[in-house]
Amino acid sequence: MHEGQIYIPRANSALLIGVLLLVAIFHTSDALASAYGVAVTTTMVVDGVLGFIVIWKAWGWRPWAAAIMMVPLISVDAIFLSSNLLKIVEGAWAPLALGAAIVCSF
């Protein structure tokens, strides 16, 4: 074992079960790719919005200046997200359902 690495058997077991479930549910790599695309693009949009908030609140920029910097990036990410949302029936429902379950549990 190397310094800084942490091995948690329960986490590895949970990841194994999750991966096996996803493979069993999706059957094809195309459906899994749809789920991956939505997960990545949603994360990018959320990161852009959080970046706007950090620039505005933590760095003390004016909201319009932060918006000038972040809106183009968020817009591109939102276009990618909207195109990936067309694949909800093909497998993109999985990360959305998981995210909704996590949000609703709090």
PDB file of N, CA and C in Angstrom:
ATOM      1  N   MET A   1       0.842  -1.183   0.000  1.00  0.00           N
ATOM      2  CA  MET A   1       0.000   0.000   0.000  1.00  0.00           C
ATOM      3  C   MET A   1       0.884   1.243   0.000  1.00  0.00           C
ATOM      4  N   HIS A   2       0.463   2.243  -0.756  1.00  0.00           N
ATOM      5  CA  HIS A   2       1.228   3.479  -0.838  1.00  0.00           C
ATOM      6  C   HIS A   2       0.640   4.523   0.100  1.00  0.00           C
ATOM      7  N   GLU A   3       1.479   5.443   0.499  1.00  0.00           N
ATOM      8  CA  GLU A   3       1.031   6.506   1.382  1.00  0.00           C
ATOM      9  C   GLU A   3      -0.046   7.334   0.701  1.00  0.00           C
ATOM     10  N   GLY A   4      -1.114   7.629   1.419  1.00  0.00           N
ATOM     11  CA  GLY A   4      -2.206   8.430   0.891  1.00  0.00           C
ATOM     12  C   GLY A   4      -3.343   7.616   0.302  1.00  0.00           C
ATOM     13  N   GLN A   5      -3.139   6.324   0.118  1.00  0.00           N
ATOM     14  CA  GLN A   5      -4.205   5.483  -0.415  1.00  0.00           C
ATOM     15  C   GLN A   5      -5.040   4.933   0.729  1.00  0.00           C
ATOM     16  N   ILE A   6      -6.328   4.871   0.479  1.00  0.00           N
ATOM     17  CA  ILE A   6      -7.238   4.340   1.488  1.00  0.00           C
ATOM     18  C   ILE A   6      -8.023   3.206   0.857  1.00  0.00           C
ATOM     19  N   TYR A   7      -8.044   2.078   1.507  1.00  0.00           N
ATOM     20  CA  TYR A   7      -8.806   0.927   1.029  1.00  0.00           C
ATOM     21  C   TYR A   7      -9.974   0.702   1.979  1.00  0.00           C
ATOM     22  N   ILE A   8     -11.171   0.785   1.445  1.00  0.00           N
ATOM     23  CA  ILE A   8     -12.366   0.562   2.243  1.00  0.00           C
ATOM     24  C   ILE A   8     -13.137  -0.591   1.592  1.00  0.00           C
ATOM     25  N   PRO A   9     -13.101  -1.768   2.197  1.00  0.00           N
ATOM     26  CA  PRO A   9     -13.747  -2.933   1.576  1.00  0.00           C
ATOM     27  C   PRO A   9     -15.222  -2.725   1.263  1.00  0.00           C
ATOM     28  N   ARG A  10     -15.961  -2.082   2.147  1.00  0.00           N
ATOM     29  CA  ARG A  10     -17.394  -1.850   1.891  1.00  0.00           C
ATOM     30  C   ARG A  10     -17.613  -0.968   0.666  1.00  0.00           C
ATOM     31  N   ALA A  11     -16.756   0.054   0.495  1.00  0.00           N
ATOM     32  CA  ALA A  11     -16.881   0.936  -0.663  1.00  0.00           C
ATOM     33  C   ALA A  11     -16.604   0.155  -1.948  1.00  0.00           C
ATOM     34  N   ASN A  12     -15.581  -0.690  -1.940  1.00  0.00           N
ATOM     35  CA  ASN A  12     -15.285  -1.494  -3.115  1.00  0.00           C
ATOM     36  C   ASN A  12     -16.418  -2.477  -3.416  1.00  0.00           C
ATOM     37  N   SER A  13     -16.991  -3.061  -2.392  1.00  0.00           N
ATOM     38  CA  SER A  13     -18.111  -3.985  -2.597  1.00  0.00           C
ATOM     39  C   SER A  13     -19.325  -3.256  -3.163  1.00  0.00           C
ATOM     40  N   ALA A  14     -19.591  -2.070  -2.650  1.00  0.00           N
ATOM     41  CA  ALA A  14     -20.722  -1.278  -3.150  1.00  0.00           C
ATOM     42  C   ALA A  14     -20.493  -0.878  -4.606  1.00  0.00           C
ATOM     43  N   LEU A  15     -19.269  -0.513  -4.954  1.00  0.00           N
ATOM     44  CA  LEU A  15     -18.957  -0.177  -6.344  1.00  0.00           C
ATOM     45  C   LEU A  15     -19.117  -1.388  -7.256  1.00  0.00           C
ATOM     46  N   LEU A  16     -18.683  -2.556  -6.792  1.00  0.00           N
ATOM     47  CA  LEU A  16     -18.839  -3.782  -7.571  1.00  0.00           C
ATOM     48  C   LEU A  16     -20.307  -4.078  -7.826  1.00  0.00           C
ATOM     49  N   ILE A  17     -21.117  -3.989  -6.803  1.00  0.00           N
ATOM     50  CA  ILE A  17     -22.552  -4.248  -6.951  1.00  0.00           C
ATOM     51  C   ILE A  17     -23.178  -3.231  -7.892  1.00  0.00           C
ATOM     52  N   GLY A  18     -22.802  -1.966  -7.752  1.00  0.00           N
ATOM     53  CA  GLY A  18     -23.332  -0.930  -8.633  1.00  0.00           C
ATOM     54  C   GLY A  18     -22.964  -1.157 -10.085  1.00  0.00           C
ATOM     55  N   VAL A  19     -21.718  -1.513 -10.347  1.00  0.00           N
ATOM     56  CA  VAL A  19     -21.284  -1.765 -11.724  1.00  0.00           C
ATOM     57  C   VAL A  19     -22.003  -2.975 -12.307  1.00  0.00           C
ATOM     58  N   LEU A  20     -22.112  -4.034 -11.532  1.00  0.00           N
ATOM     59  CA  LEU A  20     -22.812  -5.225 -12.022  1.00  0.00           C
ATOM     60  C   LEU A  20     -24.286  -4.935 -12.302  1.00  0.00           C
ATOM     61  N   LEU A  21     -24.916  -4.131 -11.455  1.00  0.00           N
ATOM     62  CA  LEU A  21     -26.305  -3.740 -11.695  1.00  0.00           C
ATOM     63  C   LEU A  21     -26.445  -2.922 -12.974  1.00  0.00           C
ATOM     64  N   LEU A  22     -25.542  -1.971 -13.180  1.00  0.00           N
ATOM     65  CA  LEU A  22     -25.599  -1.156 -14.396  1.00  0.00           C
ATOM     66  C   LEU A  22     -25.406  -1.999 -15.650  1.00  0.00           C
ATOM     67  N   VAL A  23     -24.473  -2.927 -15.606  1.00  0.00           N
ATOM     68  CA  VAL A  23     -24.255  -3.798 -16.758  1.00  0.00           C
ATOM     69  C   VAL A  23     -25.490  -4.655 -17.013  1.00  0.00           C
ATOM     70  N   ALA A  24     -26.105  -5.165 -15.950  1.00  0.00           N
ATOM     71  CA  ALA A  24     -27.301  -5.996 -16.111  1.00  0.00           C
ATOM     72  C   ALA A  24     -28.492  -5.186 -16.609  1.00  0.00           C
ATOM     73  N   ILE A  25     -28.612  -3.945 -16.165  1.00  0.00           N
ATOM     74  CA  ILE A  25     -29.758  -3.120 -16.561  1.00  0.00           C
ATOM     75  C   ILE A  25     -29.618  -2.625 -17.997  1.00  0.00           C
ATOM     76  N   PHE A  26     -28.430  -2.178 -18.382  1.00  0.00           N
ATOM     77  CA  PHE A  26     -28.274  -1.526 -19.679  1.00  0.00           C
ATOM     78  C   PHE A  26     -28.023  -2.475 -20.849  1.00  0.00           C
ATOM     79  N   HIS A  27     -27.427  -3.602 -20.623  1.00  0.00           N
ATOM     80  CA  HIS A  27     -27.171  -4.624 -21.641  1.00  0.00           C
ATOM     81  C   HIS A  27     -26.222  -4.183 -22.748  1.00  0.00           C
ATOM     82  N   THR A  28     -26.280  -2.941 -23.222  1.00  0.00           N
ATOM     83  CA  THR A  28     -25.423  -2.495 -24.325  1.00  0.00           C
ATOM     84  C   THR A  28     -24.593  -1.291 -23.891  1.00  0.00           C
ATOM     85  N   SER A  29     -23.486  -1.115 -24.577  1.00  0.00           N
ATOM     86  CA  SER A  29     -22.633   0.031 -24.256  1.00  0.00           C
ATOM     87  C   SER A  29     -23.248   1.332 -24.756  1.00  0.00           C
ATOM     88  N   ASP A  30     -24.138   1.269 -25.748  1.00  0.00           N
ATOM     89  CA  ASP A  30     -24.798   2.488 -26.233  1.00  0.00           C
ATOM     90  C   ASP A  30     -25.678   3.111 -25.150  1.00  0.00           C
ATOM     91  N   ALA A  31     -26.447   2.274 -24.458  1.00  0.00           N
ATOM     92  CA  ALA A  31     -27.307   2.780 -23.382  1.00  0.00           C
ATOM     93  C   ALA A  31     -26.463   3.323 -22.237  1.00  0.00           C
ATOM     94  N   LEU A  32     -25.377   2.644 -21.946  1.00  0.00           N
ATOM     95  CA  LEU A  32     -24.493   3.115 -20.883  1.00  0.00           C
ATOM     96  C   LEU A  32     -23.822   4.423 -21.273  1.00  0.00           C
ATOM     97  N   ALA A  33     -23.516   4.594 -22.560  1.00  0.00           N
ATOM     98  CA  ALA A  33     -22.921   5.848 -23.042  1.00  0.00           C
ATOM     99  C   ALA A  33     -23.901   7.001 -22.898  1.00  0.00           C
ATOM    100  N   SER A  34     -25.174   6.747 -23.103  1.00  0.00           N
ATOM    101  CA  SER A  34     -26.184   7.797 -22.907  1.00  0.00           C
ATOM    102  C   SER A  34     -26.212   8.253 -21.454  1.00  0.00           C
ATOM    103  N   ALA A  35     -26.152   7.300 -20.544  1.00  0.00           N
ATOM    104  CA  ALA A  35     -26.144   7.638 -19.120  1.00  0.00           C
ATOM    105  C   ALA A  35     -24.886   8.431 -18.765  1.00  0.00           C
ATOM    106  N   TYR A  36     -23.770   8.016 -19.297  1.00  0.00           N
ATOM    107  CA  TYR A  36     -22.505   8.706 -19.031  1.00  0.00           C
ATOM    108  C   TYR A  36     -22.539  10.135 -19.562  1.00  0.00           C
ATOM    109  N   GLY A  37     -23.074  10.321 -20.765  1.00  0.00           N
ATOM    110  CA  GLY A  37     -23.140  11.652 -21.367  1.00  0.00           C
ATOM    111  C   GLY A  37     -23.960  12.620 -20.535  1.00  0.00           C
ATOM    112  N   VAL A  38     -25.101  12.173 -20.061  1.00  0.00           N
ATOM    113  CA  VAL A  38     -25.946  13.037 -19.235  1.00  0.00           C
ATOM    114  C   VAL A  38     -25.266  13.343 -17.904  1.00  0.00           C
ATOM    115  N   ALA A  39     -24.626  12.341 -17.315  1.00  0.00           N
ATOM    116  CA  ALA A  39     -23.950  12.566 -16.036  1.00  0.00           C
ATOM    117  C   ALA A  39     -22.834  13.594 -16.178  1.00  0.00           C
ATOM    118  N   VAL A  40     -22.043  13.481 -17.230  1.00  0.00           N
ATOM    119  CA  VAL A  40     -20.917  14.398 -17.429  1.00  0.00           C
ATOM    120  C   VAL A  40     -21.400  15.811 -17.738  1.00  0.00           C
ATOM    121  N   THR A  41     -22.352  15.949 -18.662  1.00  0.00           N
ATOM    122  CA  THR A  41     -22.789  17.291 -19.033  1.00  0.00           C
ATOM    123  C   THR A  41     -23.556  17.980 -17.906  1.00  0.00           C
ATOM    124  N   THR A  42     -24.313  17.230 -17.131  1.00  0.00           N
ATOM    125  CA  THR A  42     -24.997  17.815 -15.975  1.00  0.00           C
ATOM    126  C   THR A  42     -23.969  18.327 -14.967  1.00  0.00           C
ATOM    127  N   THR A  43     -22.936  17.540 -14.740  1.00  0.00           N
ATOM    128  CA  THR A  43     -21.870  17.962 -13.829  1.00  0.00           C
ATOM    129  C   THR A  43     -21.194  19.232 -14.324  1.00  0.00           C
ATOM    130  N   MET A  44     -20.971  19.330 -15.630  1.00  0.00           N
ATOM    131  CA  MET A  44     -20.323  20.518 -16.179  1.00  0.00           C
ATOM    132  C   MET A  44     -21.190  21.767 -16.007  1.00  0.00           C
ATOM    133  N   VAL A  45     -22.504  21.643 -16.200  1.00  0.00           N
ATOM    134  CA  VAL A  45     -23.403  22.790 -16.008  1.00  0.00           C
ATOM    135  C   VAL A  45     -23.410  23.215 -14.538  1.00  0.00           C
ATOM    136  N   VAL A  46     -23.512  22.251 -13.640  1.00  0.00           N
ATOM    137  CA  VAL A  46     -23.520  22.571 -12.207  1.00  0.00           C
ATOM    138  C   VAL A  46     -22.192  23.203 -11.798  1.00  0.00           C
ATOM    139  N   ASP A  47     -21.082  22.679 -12.302  1.00  0.00           N
ATOM    140  CA  ASP A  47     -19.776  23.275 -12.000  1.00  0.00           C
ATOM    141  C   ASP A  47     -19.687  24.710 -12.497  1.00  0.00           C
ATOM    142  N   GLY A  48     -20.248  24.988 -13.665  1.00  0.00           N
ATOM    143  CA  GLY A  48     -20.246  26.353 -14.186  1.00  0.00           C
ATOM    144  C   GLY A  48     -21.037  27.300 -13.306  1.00  0.00           C
ATOM    145  N   VAL A  49     -22.201  26.852 -12.855  1.00  0.00           N
ATOM    146  CA  VAL A  49     -23.022  27.684 -11.964  1.00  0.00           C
ATOM    147  C   VAL A  49     -22.309  27.907 -10.630  1.00  0.00           C
ATOM    148  N   LEU A  50     -21.706  26.848 -10.097  1.00  0.00           N
ATOM    149  CA  LEU A  50     -20.958  27.010  -8.847  1.00  0.00           C
ATOM    150  C   LEU A  50     -19.737  27.915  -9.042  1.00  0.00           C
ATOM    151  N   GLY A  51     -19.114  27.829 -10.217  1.00  0.00           N
ATOM    152  CA  GLY A  51     -18.007  28.741 -10.517  1.00  0.00           C
ATOM    153  C   GLY A  51     -18.462  30.186 -10.524  1.00  0.00           C
ATOM    154  N   PHE A  52     -19.639  30.440 -11.094  1.00  0.00           N
ATOM    155  CA  PHE A  52     -20.212  31.789 -11.067  1.00  0.00           C
ATOM    156  C   PHE A  52     -20.388  32.271  -9.628  1.00  0.00           C
ATOM    157  N   ILE A  53     -20.929  31.411  -8.783  1.00  0.00           N
ATOM    158  CA  ILE A  53     -21.171  31.790  -7.381  1.00  0.00           C
ATOM    159  C   ILE A  53     -19.853  32.070  -6.663  1.00  0.00           C
ATOM    160  N   VAL A  54     -18.823  31.259  -6.913  1.00  0.00           N
ATOM    161  CA  VAL A  54     -17.521  31.479  -6.274  1.00  0.00           C
ATOM    162  C   VAL A  54     -16.912  32.801  -6.734  1.00  0.00           C
ATOM    163  N   ILE A  55     -16.972  33.043  -8.049  1.00  0.00           N
ATOM    164  CA  ILE A  55     -16.409  34.294  -8.567  1.00  0.00           C
ATOM    165  C   ILE A  55     -17.137  35.500  -7.991  1.00  0.00           C
ATOM    166  N   TRP A  56     -18.445  35.377  -7.862  1.00  0.00           N
ATOM    167  CA  TRP A  56     -19.266  36.483  -7.366  1.00  0.00           C
ATOM    168  C   TRP A  56     -19.095  36.676  -5.860  1.00  0.00           C
ATOM    169  N   LYS A  57     -19.344  35.620  -5.096  1.00  0.00           N
ATOM    170  CA  LYS A  57     -19.372  35.749  -3.631  1.00  0.00           C
ATOM    171  C   LYS A  57     -17.979  35.680  -2.996  1.00  0.00           C
ATOM    172  N   ALA A  58     -17.197  34.645  -3.340  1.00  0.00           N
ATOM    173  CA  ALA A  58     -15.912  34.452  -2.662  1.00  0.00           C
ATOM    174  C   ALA A  58     -14.840  35.415  -3.165  1.00  0.00           C
ATOM    175  N   TRP A  59     -14.831  35.670  -4.469  1.00  0.00           N
ATOM    176  CA  TRP A  59     -13.815  36.558  -5.018  1.00  0.00           C
ATOM    177  C   TRP A  59     -14.243  38.019  -4.997  1.00  0.00           C
ATOM    178  N   GLY A  60     -15.517  38.270  -4.714  1.00  0.00           N
ATOM    179  CA  GLY A  60     -15.993  39.636  -4.575  1.00  0.00           C
ATOM    180  C   GLY A  60     -16.227  40.389  -5.880  1.00  0.00           C
ATOM    181  N   TRP A  61     -16.356  39.683  -6.995  1.00  0.00           N
ATOM    182  CA  TRP A  61     -16.638  40.349  -8.267  1.00  0.00           C
ATOM    183  C   TRP A  61     -18.095  40.800  -8.291  1.00  0.00           C
ATOM    184  N   ARG A  62     -18.381  41.763  -9.121  1.00  0.00           N
ATOM    185  CA  ARG A  62     -19.774  42.162  -9.334  1.00  0.00           C
ATOM    186  C   ARG A  62     -20.477  41.046 -10.101  1.00  0.00           C
ATOM    187  N   PRO A  63     -21.782  40.877  -9.865  1.00  0.00           N
ATOM    188  CA  PRO A  63     -22.493  39.782 -10.548  1.00  0.00           C
ATOM    189  C   PRO A  63     -22.427  39.859 -12.074  1.00  0.00           C
ATOM    190  N   TRP A  64     -22.502  41.062 -12.621  1.00  0.00           N
ATOM    191  CA  TRP A  64     -22.468  41.175 -14.081  1.00  0.00           C
ATOM    192  C   TRP A  64     -21.110  40.791 -14.636  1.00  0.00           C
ATOM    193  N   ALA A  65     -20.027  41.089 -13.902  1.00  0.00           N
ATOM    194  CA  ALA A  65     -18.684  40.724 -14.357  1.00  0.00           C
ATOM    195  C   ALA A  65     -18.488  39.213 -14.301  1.00  0.00           C
ATOM    196  N   ALA A  66     -18.993  38.605 -13.241  1.00  0.00           N
ATOM    197  CA  ALA A  66     -18.918  37.145 -13.136  1.00  0.00           C
ATOM    198  C   ALA A  66     -19.754  36.493 -14.221  1.00  0.00           C
ATOM    199  N   ALA A  67     -20.905  37.085 -14.525  1.00  0.00           N
ATOM    200  CA  ALA A  67     -21.776  36.541 -15.569  1.00  0.00           C
ATOM    201  C   ALA A  67     -21.118  36.647 -16.939  1.00  0.00           C
ATOM    202  N   ILE A  68     -20.444  37.765 -17.210  1.00  0.00           N
ATOM    203  CA  ILE A  68     -19.748  37.912 -18.492  1.00  0.00           C
ATOM    204  C   ILE A  68     -18.718  36.811 -18.670  1.00  0.00           C
ATOM    205  N   MET A  69     -18.091  36.409 -17.586  1.00  0.00           N
ATOM    206  CA  MET A  69     -17.076  35.373 -17.659  1.00  0.00           C
ATOM    207  C   MET A  69     -17.673  33.973 -17.764  1.00  0.00           C
ATOM    208  N   MET A  70     -18.764  33.708 -17.051  1.00  0.00           N
ATOM    209  CA  MET A  70     -19.256  32.335 -16.940  1.00  0.00           C
ATOM    210  C   MET A  70     -20.406  31.977 -17.873  1.00  0.00           C
ATOM    211  N   VAL A  71     -21.215  32.937 -18.283  1.00  0.00           N
ATOM    212  CA  VAL A  71     -22.378  32.622 -19.125  1.00  0.00           C
ATOM    213  C   VAL A  71     -21.986  31.951 -20.438  1.00  0.00           C
ATOM    214  N   PRO A  72     -20.929  32.375 -21.122  1.00  0.00           N
ATOM    215  CA  PRO A  72     -20.573  31.643 -22.348  1.00  0.00           C
ATOM    216  C   PRO A  72     -20.229  30.170 -22.088  1.00  0.00           C
ATOM    217  N   LEU A  73     -19.516  29.914 -21.009  1.00  0.00           N
ATOM    218  CA  LEU A  73     -19.159  28.528 -20.686  1.00  0.00           C
ATOM    219  C   LEU A  73     -20.391  27.715 -20.307  1.00  0.00           C
ATOM    220  N   ILE A  74     -21.237  28.289 -19.475  1.00  0.00           N
ATOM    221  CA  ILE A  74     -22.456  27.590 -19.059  1.00  0.00           C
ATOM    222  C   ILE A  74     -23.370  27.366 -20.253  1.00  0.00           C
ATOM    223  N   SER A  75     -23.425  28.316 -21.174  1.00  0.00           N
ATOM    224  CA  SER A  75     -24.276  28.171 -22.362  1.00  0.00           C
ATOM    225  C   SER A  75     -23.850  26.986 -23.223  1.00  0.00           C
ATOM    226  N   VAL A  76     -22.560  26.859 -23.457  1.00  0.00           N
ATOM    227  CA  VAL A  76     -22.066  25.729 -24.249  1.00  0.00           C
ATOM    228  C   VAL A  76     -22.386  24.413 -23.552  1.00  0.00           C
ATOM    229  N   ASP A  77     -22.147  24.355 -22.248  1.00  0.00           N
ATOM    230  CA  ASP A  77     -22.447  23.138 -21.490  1.00  0.00           C
ATOM    231  C   ASP A  77     -23.942  22.836 -21.495  1.00  0.00           C
ATOM    232  N   ALA A  78     -24.773  23.871 -21.412  1.00  0.00           N
ATOM    233  CA  ALA A  78     -26.223  23.673 -21.428  1.00  0.00           C
ATOM    234  C   ALA A  78     -26.698  23.147 -22.776  1.00  0.00           C
ATOM    235  N   ILE A  79     -26.057  23.570 -23.852  1.00  0.00           N
ATOM    236  CA  ILE A  79     -26.412  23.037 -25.180  1.00  0.00           C
ATOM    237  C   ILE A  79     -26.081  21.549 -25.250  1.00  0.00           C
ATOM    238  N   PHE A  80     -24.907  21.174 -24.757  1.00  0.00           N
ATOM    239  CA  PHE A  80     -24.558  19.755 -24.722  1.00  0.00           C
ATOM    240  C   PHE A  80     -25.543  18.970 -23.854  1.00  0.00           C
ATOM    241  N   LEU A  81     -25.910  19.539 -22.708  1.00  0.00           N
ATOM    242  CA  LEU A  81     -26.862  18.858 -21.819  1.00  0.00           C
ATOM    243  C   LEU A  81     -28.206  18.680 -22.494  1.00  0.00           C
ATOM    244  N   SER A  82     -28.700  19.710 -23.163  1.00  0.00           N
ATOM    245  CA  SER A  82     -30.010  19.603 -23.812  1.00  0.00           C
ATOM    246  C   SER A  82     -29.995  18.553 -24.916  1.00  0.00           C
ATOM    247  N   SER A  83     -28.882  18.430 -25.632  1.00  0.00           N
ATOM    248  CA  SER A  83     -28.817  17.389 -26.665  1.00  0.00           C
ATOM    249  C   SER A  83     -28.747  16.000 -26.042  1.00  0.00           C
ATOM    250  N   ASN A  84     -28.116  15.879 -24.888  1.00  0.00           N
ATOM    251  CA  ASN A  84     -28.055  14.578 -24.218  1.00  0.00           C
ATOM    252  C   ASN A  84     -29.374  14.196 -23.558  1.00  0.00           C
ATOM    253  N   LEU A  85     -30.177  15.190 -23.201  1.00  0.00           N
ATOM    254  CA  LEU A  85     -31.467  14.883 -22.577  1.00  0.00           C
ATOM    255  C   LEU A  85     -32.427  14.200 -23.554  1.00  0.00           C
ATOM    256  N   LEU A  86     -32.132  14.275 -24.843  1.00  0.00           N
ATOM    257  CA  LEU A  86     -32.952  13.565 -25.822  1.00  0.00           C
ATOM    258  C   LEU A  86     -32.796  12.052 -25.693  1.00  0.00           C
ATOM    259  N   LYS A  87     -31.811  11.615 -24.952  1.00  0.00           N
ATOM    260  CA  LYS A  87     -31.521  10.189 -24.803  1.00  0.00           C
ATOM    261  C   LYS A  87     -32.027   9.621 -23.481  1.00  0.00           C
ATOM    262  N   ILE A  88     -33.002  10.272 -22.877  1.00  0.00           N
ATOM    263  CA  ILE A  88     -33.500   9.819 -21.571  1.00  0.00           C
ATOM    264  C   ILE A  88     -34.015   8.382 -21.637  1.00  0.00           C
ATOM    265  N   VAL A  89     -34.767   8.051 -22.673  1.00  0.00           N
ATOM    266  CA  VAL A  89     -35.318   6.696 -22.774  1.00  0.00           C
ATOM    267  C   VAL A  89     -34.248   5.657 -23.074  1.00  0.00           C
ATOM    268  N   GLU A  90     -33.132   6.074 -23.638  1.00  0.00           N
ATOM    269  CA  GLU A  90     -32.083   5.138 -24.021  1.00  0.00           C
ATOM    270  C   GLU A  90     -31.130   4.804 -22.872  1.00  0.00           C
ATOM    271  N   GLY A  91     -31.301   5.408 -21.732  1.00  0.00           N
ATOM    272  CA  GLY A  91     -30.436   5.099 -20.601  1.00  0.00           C
ATOM    273  C   GLY A  91     -30.028   6.303 -19.790  1.00  0.00           C
ATOM    274  N   ALA A  92     -30.314   7.489 -20.285  1.00  0.00           N
ATOM    275  CA  ALA A  92     -29.927   8.695 -19.568  1.00  0.00           C
ATOM    276  C   ALA A  92     -30.760   8.918 -18.311  1.00  0.00           C
ATOM    277  N   TRP A  93     -31.791   8.123 -18.142  1.00  0.00           N
ATOM    278  CA  TRP A  93     -32.633   8.250 -16.956  1.00  0.00           C
ATOM    279  C   TRP A  93     -31.881   7.838 -15.687  1.00  0.00           C
ATOM    280  N   ALA A  94     -30.890   6.985 -15.799  1.00  0.00           N
ATOM    281  CA  ALA A  94     -30.214   6.424 -14.623  1.00  0.00           C
ATOM    282  C   ALA A  94     -29.510   7.489 -13.775  1.00  0.00           C
ATOM    283  N   PRO A  95     -28.633   8.324 -14.340  1.00  0.00           N
ATOM    284  CA  PRO A  95     -28.006   9.327 -13.480  1.00  0.00           C
ATOM    285  C   PRO A  95     -28.998  10.368 -12.976  1.00  0.00           C
ATOM    286  N   LEU A  96     -30.035  10.651 -13.768  1.00  0.00           N
ATOM    287  CA  LEU A  96     -31.052  11.598 -13.305  1.00  0.00           C
ATOM    288  C   LEU A  96     -31.838  11.016 -12.130  1.00  0.00           C
ATOM    289  N   ALA A  97     -32.167   9.733 -12.214  1.00  0.00           N
ATOM    290  CA  ALA A  97     -32.888   9.079 -11.119  1.00  0.00           C
ATOM    291  C   ALA A  97     -32.021   8.992  -9.865  1.00  0.00           C
ATOM    292  N   LEU A  98     -30.744   8.660 -10.049  1.00  0.00           N
ATOM    293  CA  LEU A  98     -29.838   8.588  -8.903  1.00  0.00           C
ATOM    294  C   LEU A  98     -29.657   9.962  -8.250  1.00  0.00           C
ATOM    295  N   GLY A  99     -29.490  10.988  -9.071  1.00  0.00           N
ATOM    296  CA  GLY A  99     -29.363  12.348  -8.538  1.00  0.00           C
ATOM    297  C   GLY A  99     -30.617  12.785  -7.815  1.00  0.00           C
ATOM    298  N   ALA A 100     -31.783  12.483  -8.393  1.00  0.00           N
ATOM    299  CA  ALA A 100     -33.052  12.849  -7.735  1.00  0.00           C
ATOM    300  C   ALA A 100     -33.204  12.115  -6.406  1.00  0.00           C
ATOM    301  N   ALA A 101     -32.805  10.848  -6.362  1.00  0.00           N
ATOM    302  CA  ALA A 101     -32.912  10.080  -5.126  1.00  0.00           C
ATOM    303  C   ALA A 101     -32.000  10.666  -4.045  1.00  0.00           C
ATOM    304  N   ILE A 102     -30.815  11.081  -4.440  1.00  0.00           N
ATOM    305  CA  ILE A 102     -29.888  11.670  -3.468  1.00  0.00           C
ATOM    306  C   ILE A 102     -30.423  13.011  -2.959  1.00  0.00           C
ATOM    307  N   VAL A 103     -30.930  13.846  -3.874  1.00  0.00           N
ATOM    308  CA  VAL A 103     -31.462  15.144  -3.473  1.00  0.00           C
ATOM    309  C   VAL A 103     -32.685  14.968  -2.565  1.00  0.00           C
ATOM    310  N   CYS A 104     -33.560  14.033  -2.907  1.00  0.00           N
ATOM    311  CA  CYS A 104     -34.778  13.832  -2.119  1.00  0.00           C
ATOM    312  C   CYS A 104     -34.512  13.201  -0.753  1.00  0.00           C
ATOM    313  N   SER A 105     -33.358  12.546  -0.596  1.00  0.00           N
ATOM    314  CA  SER A 105     -33.068  11.892   0.689  1.00  0.00           C
ATOM    315  C   SER A 105     -32.601  12.896   1.744  1.00  0.00           C
ATOM    316  N   PHE A 106     -32.240  14.118   1.313  1.00  0.00           N
ATOM    317  CA  PHE A 106     -31.786  15.118   2.280  1.00  0.00           C
ATOM    318  C   PHE A 106     -32.897  15.989   2.640  1.00  0.00           C
TER     319      PHE A 106
END
